[in-house]
Amino acid sequence: MNPELRRPLVAGNWKLHKTIAESVELAQEVVRCTGVTGSTEVVVAPVFTALSRVNDVLAGTIISLAAQDVCWATQGAFTGAVGPLQLLDVGCRYVIVGHSERRQLFGESDEVVQRKVRAVLEHGLRPIVCVGEILAERDAGQAETVVVRQLRAALSGLEAEGAHDVVVAYEPVWAIGTGRNAQPADAQEMHARIRATLAELFGQTLAERTRVLYGGSVKPDNAKALMAQPDLDGALVGGASLAADSFCAIVAAARAGQ
């Protein structure tokens, strides 16, 4: 990774965990262990109900707030949805879009992901766009085909000027929550393919400036080797982000890898 081009980013996706009080406590612990300065960008994504309170904790720190999902609509008859304006209102800077659990458990299509990406960008938020293959696709030799298809679909219709705030997260679905992990060289190979696709879509300059995160069972004991790969610019962390010590160890690995 060239630090002159891409600032490392480590994002913690807390998924469906933590009450408001527990989220505030975890945020406070993360603030303490990451420090108030640092060249690595840190992001946390609590549940919707805790966003506002966690934002208060993060004020004046290096940590940014993210939402785990978003509706593509600004307002209207969308019961149960939360749109970009509401996320801006509570202090979000980032939004995770197209996470594998949204695709697998909630049936989100490539088209839905694309609409969400556009909505996020149009309201000045930054999408963390997730792409990744399931085990059957990898075993069938289709991993790159699937990831490239998802990436092209998610960014369809964007011009280079509109895509400069996009962050991409490669999450091999077979490695999420299973304890399995792509080998660093395998992750690097896919990240390089993602960057090559970005170059095809938007040109080499934007591709070299776009951060591509890895998100498949990242833990303190594998973070250093992953972060050492030239096209890995950080991590989207799931389970290991639910404890401040393990999450901050991953942040430290990202800082060390610069």
Protein backbone atom coordinates (compact mmCIF):
# COMPACT_ATOMS: atom_id res chain seq x y z
CA MET A 1 0.00 0.00 0.00
CA ASN A 2 1.21 3.49 -0.80
CA PRO A 3 0.31 5.71 2.17
CA GLU A 4 0.59 8.77 -0.02
CA LEU A 5 -2.38 7.54 -2.01
CA ARG A 6 -4.58 5.57 0.39
CA ARG A 7 -5.11 6.16 4.10
CA PRO A 8 -5.73 2.83 5.86
CA LEU A 9 -9.24 2.28 7.20
CA VAL A 10 -10.41 -0.21 9.81
CA ALA A 11 -14.19 -0.46 10.26
CA GLY A 12 -15.97 -2.37 12.99
CA ASN A 13 -19.35 -3.81 12.02
CA TRP A 14 -21.15 -4.56 15.30
CA LYS A 15 -24.05 -6.23 13.46
CA LEU A 16 -27.06 -7.11 15.66
CA HIS A 17 -25.21 -6.80 18.95
CA LYS A 18 -25.22 -4.42 21.89
CA THR A 19 -27.89 -2.31 23.57
CA ILE A 20 -27.52 1.46 23.54
CA ALA A 21 -25.70 1.42 26.88
CA GLU A 22 -23.41 -1.40 25.77
CA SER A 23 -22.69 0.38 22.48
CA VAL A 24 -21.74 3.56 24.32
CA GLU A 25 -19.43 1.61 26.62
CA LEU A 26 -17.73 -0.16 23.71
CA ALA A 27 -17.33 3.13 21.82
CA GLN A 28 -15.71 4.71 24.86
CA GLU A 29 -13.28 1.80 25.14
CA VAL A 30 -12.38 2.03 21.45
CA VAL A 31 -11.75 5.76 21.79
CA ARG A 32 -9.41 5.13 24.71
CA CYS A 33 -7.38 2.42 23.01
CA THR A 34 -7.10 4.02 19.56
CA GLY A 35 -6.05 7.44 20.81
CA VAL A 36 -7.11 10.85 19.59
CA THR A 37 -4.68 11.00 16.69
CA GLY A 38 -3.46 8.56 14.10
CA SER A 39 -2.94 8.10 10.39
CA THR A 40 -5.30 5.12 10.21
CA GLU A 41 -8.97 5.99 9.87
CA VAL A 42 -11.22 4.13 12.30
CA VAL A 43 -14.96 3.56 11.78
CA VAL A 44 -17.59 1.88 13.95
CA ALA A 45 -21.04 0.75 12.85
CA PRO A 46 -23.46 0.13 15.74
CA VAL A 47 -27.14 -0.77 15.43
CA PHE A 48 -29.48 2.00 14.28
CA THR A 49 -30.88 2.64 17.76
CA ALA A 50 -27.42 3.42 19.16
CA LEU A 51 -26.14 5.68 16.37
CA SER A 52 -26.96 9.00 17.97
CA ARG A 53 -25.54 8.15 21.39
CA VAL A 54 -22.39 6.63 19.94
CA ASN A 55 -21.92 9.73 17.79
CA ASP A 56 -21.81 11.80 20.98
CA VAL A 57 -18.99 9.59 22.27
CA LEU A 58 -17.02 9.93 19.04
CA ALA A 59 -17.17 13.73 18.88
CA GLY A 60 -13.68 15.21 18.58
CA THR A 61 -11.98 11.84 18.00
CA ILE A 62 -10.43 10.19 14.95
CA ILE A 63 -13.29 7.68 14.82
CA SER A 64 -16.08 8.04 12.27
CA LEU A 65 -19.64 6.74 12.56
CA ALA A 66 -21.16 4.34 10.05
CA ALA A 67 -24.56 2.78 9.54
CA GLN A 68 -24.89 -0.91 8.73
CA ASP A 69 -27.45 -0.36 5.98
CA VAL A 70 -29.62 2.29 4.33
CA CYS A 71 -32.77 2.61 2.26
CA TRP A 72 -32.37 4.00 -1.26
CA ALA A 73 -35.33 6.35 -0.72
CA THR A 74 -35.08 9.78 0.88
CA GLN A 75 -38.56 9.61 2.35
CA GLY A 76 -41.93 8.01 1.72
CA ALA A 77 -43.99 4.93 2.47
CA PHE A 78 -41.12 2.58 3.38
CA THR A 79 -42.10 1.15 6.76
CA GLY A 80 -39.14 0.13 8.88
CA ALA A 81 -36.57 1.78 6.61
CA VAL A 82 -33.91 4.35 7.48
CA GLY A 83 -32.79 6.70 4.72
CA PRO A 84 -29.68 8.80 4.03
CA LEU A 85 -31.12 11.98 5.56
CA GLN A 86 -31.75 10.24 8.88
CA LEU A 87 -28.21 8.85 8.85
CA LEU A 88 -26.76 12.29 8.22
CA ASP A 89 -28.93 13.64 11.01
CA VAL A 90 -27.34 11.33 13.59
CA GLY A 91 -23.79 12.02 12.43
CA CYS A 92 -22.98 9.15 10.09
CA ARG A 93 -20.15 9.60 7.63
CA TYR A 94 -20.09 6.08 6.18
CA VAL A 95 -22.68 3.44 5.27
CA ILE A 96 -22.04 -0.27 4.75
CA VAL A 97 -23.83 -1.28 1.55
CA GLY A 98 -24.40 -4.75 0.12
CA HIS A 99 -22.98 -6.74 3.04
CA SER A 100 -23.15 -10.45 2.35
CA GLU A 101 -25.71 -10.89 5.15
CA ARG A 102 -27.98 -8.35 3.48
CA ARG A 103 -27.59 -10.21 0.19
CA GLN A 104 -27.94 -13.72 1.63
CA LEU A 105 -30.48 -13.25 4.43
CA PHE A 106 -32.56 -10.37 3.10
CA GLY A 107 -32.42 -11.09 -0.61
CA GLU A 108 -30.75 -7.88 -1.74
CA SER A 109 -29.99 -8.01 -5.44
CA ASP A 110 -27.20 -6.26 -7.32
CA GLU A 111 -29.81 -3.74 -8.47
CA VAL A 112 -30.84 -2.92 -4.90
CA VAL A 113 -27.21 -2.50 -3.88
CA GLN A 114 -26.64 -0.13 -6.81
CA ARG A 115 -29.62 2.01 -5.82
CA LYS A 116 -28.33 2.25 -2.27
CA VAL A 117 -24.83 3.22 -3.41
CA ARG A 118 -26.27 6.02 -5.53
CA ALA A 119 -28.46 7.28 -2.68
CA VAL A 120 -25.53 7.30 -0.26
CA LEU A 121 -23.29 9.25 -2.62
CA GLU A 122 -26.01 11.70 -3.60
CA HIS A 123 -26.38 12.71 0.05
CA GLY A 124 -22.68 13.20 0.71
CA LEU A 125 -22.14 9.95 2.62
CA ARG A 126 -19.42 7.43 1.83
CA PRO A 127 -20.41 3.86 0.93
CA ILE A 128 -18.39 0.85 2.01
CA VAL A 129 -19.46 -1.41 -0.85
CA CYS A 130 -19.21 -5.11 -0.02
CA VAL A 131 -18.51 -7.78 -2.62
CA GLY A 132 -17.67 -11.45 -2.23
CA GLU A 133 -18.31 -15.02 -3.28
CA ILE A 134 -19.88 -17.97 -1.46
CA LEU A 135 -18.02 -21.25 -1.05
CA ALA A 136 -19.78 -23.01 -3.94
CA GLU A 137 -18.80 -20.19 -6.29
CA ARG A 138 -15.18 -20.32 -5.15
CA ASP A 139 -15.03 -24.11 -5.49
CA ALA A 140 -16.47 -23.79 -9.00
CA GLY A 141 -13.73 -21.37 -10.00
CA GLN A 142 -16.19 -18.48 -10.27
CA ALA A 143 -14.88 -16.26 -7.45
CA GLU A 144 -13.42 -13.51 -9.63
CA THR A 145 -16.40 -13.57 -11.99
CA VAL A 146 -18.84 -13.11 -9.10
CA VAL A 147 -16.84 -10.36 -7.40
CA VAL A 148 -16.31 -8.39 -10.62
CA ARG A 149 -20.01 -8.70 -11.49
CA GLN A 150 -21.07 -7.43 -8.07
CA LEU A 151 -18.60 -4.54 -8.20
CA ARG A 152 -19.58 -3.45 -11.71
CA ALA A 153 -23.28 -3.64 -10.82
CA ALA A 154 -22.88 -1.68 -7.58
CA LEU A 155 -21.00 1.13 -9.31
CA SER A 156 -23.03 1.10 -12.53
CA GLY A 157 -23.85 4.54 -13.87
CA LEU A 158 -21.23 6.38 -11.82
CA GLU A 159 -18.63 8.62 -13.38
CA ALA A 160 -15.14 8.88 -11.93
CA GLU A 161 -15.99 12.20 -10.29
CA GLY A 162 -18.87 10.60 -8.42
CA ALA A 163 -16.97 7.51 -7.35
CA HIS A 164 -14.06 9.07 -5.48
CA ASP A 165 -15.74 8.57 -2.06
CA VAL A 166 -16.36 4.85 -2.59
CA VAL A 167 -14.64 2.31 -0.35
CA VAL A 168 -14.75 -1.35 -1.44
CA ALA A 169 -14.71 -4.28 1.00
CA TYR A 170 -13.93 -7.77 -0.26
CA GLU A 171 -15.58 -10.29 2.03
CA PRO A 172 -15.30 -13.94 1.02
CA VAL A 173 -18.63 -15.15 2.36
CA TRP A 174 -17.24 -18.58 3.20
CA ALA A 175 -14.82 -16.97 5.67
CA ILE A 176 -17.31 -14.85 7.62
CA GLY A 177 -18.01 -16.13 11.09
CA THR A 178 -16.54 -19.53 10.28
CA GLY A 179 -13.03 -19.03 11.62
CA ARG A 180 -11.72 -19.75 8.12
CA ASN A 181 -9.76 -17.04 6.39
CA ALA A 182 -8.36 -16.42 2.96
CA GLN A 183 -4.60 -16.69 2.88
CA PRO A 184 -2.91 -13.29 2.52
CA ALA A 185 -1.75 -14.11 -1.01
CA ASP A 186 -5.29 -15.15 -2.00
CA ALA A 187 -6.74 -11.95 -0.55
CA GLN A 188 -4.10 -9.90 -2.37
CA GLU A 189 -4.94 -11.60 -5.66
CA MET A 190 -8.63 -10.69 -5.35
CA HIS A 191 -7.88 -7.17 -4.18
CA ALA A 192 -5.63 -6.65 -7.19
CA ARG A 193 -8.46 -7.86 -9.45
CA ILE A 194 -10.85 -5.42 -7.78
CA ARG A 195 -8.40 -2.57 -8.31
CA ALA A 196 -7.95 -3.57 -11.95
CA THR A 197 -11.74 -3.49 -12.39
CA LEU A 198 -11.87 -0.02 -10.83
CA ALA A 199 -9.22 1.09 -13.32
CA GLU A 200 -11.31 -0.27 -16.18
CA LEU A 201 -14.36 1.61 -14.90
CA PHE A 202 -12.87 4.91 -13.76
CA GLY A 203 -9.23 5.09 -14.78
CA GLN A 204 -5.95 4.21 -13.11
CA THR A 205 -5.72 7.35 -10.98
CA LEU A 206 -8.99 6.73 -9.15
CA ALA A 207 -8.23 3.01 -8.86
CA GLU A 208 -4.95 3.77 -7.12
CA ARG A 209 -6.70 6.09 -4.68
CA THR A 210 -9.64 3.82 -3.81
CA ARG A 211 -9.34 1.92 -0.55
CA VAL A 212 -10.08 -1.79 -0.74
CA LEU A 213 -10.66 -3.48 2.62
CA TYR A 214 -10.59 -7.16 3.52
CA GLY A 215 -13.49 -8.57 5.51
CA GLY A 216 -13.33 -12.26 6.24
CA SER A 217 -12.77 -13.30 9.88
CA VAL A 218 -10.09 -10.67 10.48
CA LYS A 219 -8.51 -11.14 13.91
CA PRO A 220 -5.45 -9.80 15.73
CA ASP A 221 -3.44 -12.92 14.90
CA ASN A 222 -3.91 -12.66 11.12
CA ALA A 223 -4.26 -8.90 10.70
CA LYS A 224 -0.54 -8.14 10.37
CA ALA A 225 -0.01 -10.59 7.50
CA LEU A 226 -3.11 -9.36 5.71
CA MET A 227 -2.22 -5.68 6.11
CA ALA A 228 1.22 -6.32 4.66
CA GLN A 229 -0.29 -7.05 1.24
CA PRO A 230 0.12 -4.12 -1.18
CA ASP A 231 -3.53 -3.88 -2.25
CA LEU A 232 -5.10 -4.35 1.20
CA ASP A 233 -5.91 -0.96 2.68
CA GLY A 234 -7.53 -2.04 5.92
CA ALA A 235 -10.28 -4.26 7.21
CA LEU A 236 -14.01 -4.58 7.70
CA VAL A 237 -14.11 -6.37 11.04
CA GLY A 238 -17.08 -8.33 12.40
CA GLY A 239 -16.83 -10.43 15.55
CA ALA A 240 -13.42 -9.10 16.57
CA SER A 241 -14.82 -5.56 16.68
CA LEU A 242 -17.14 -6.44 19.58
CA ALA A 243 -14.25 -6.30 22.06
CA ALA A 244 -12.14 -3.16 22.20
CA ASP A 245 -8.84 -4.95 22.81
CA SER A 246 -9.09 -7.17 19.74
CA PHE A 247 -10.40 -4.37 17.52
CA CYS A 248 -7.67 -1.98 18.61
CA ALA A 249 -5.04 -4.67 17.98
CA ILE A 250 -6.25 -4.81 14.37
CA VAL A 251 -6.06 -1.01 14.15
CA ALA A 252 -2.49 -1.23 15.47
CA ALA A 253 -1.64 -3.79 12.78
CA ALA A 254 -2.98 -1.44 10.10
CA ARG A 255 -0.88 1.40 11.47
CA ALA A 256 2.21 -0.80 11.56
CA GLY A 257 1.69 -1.86 7.96
CA GLN A 258 1.82 1.66 6.54
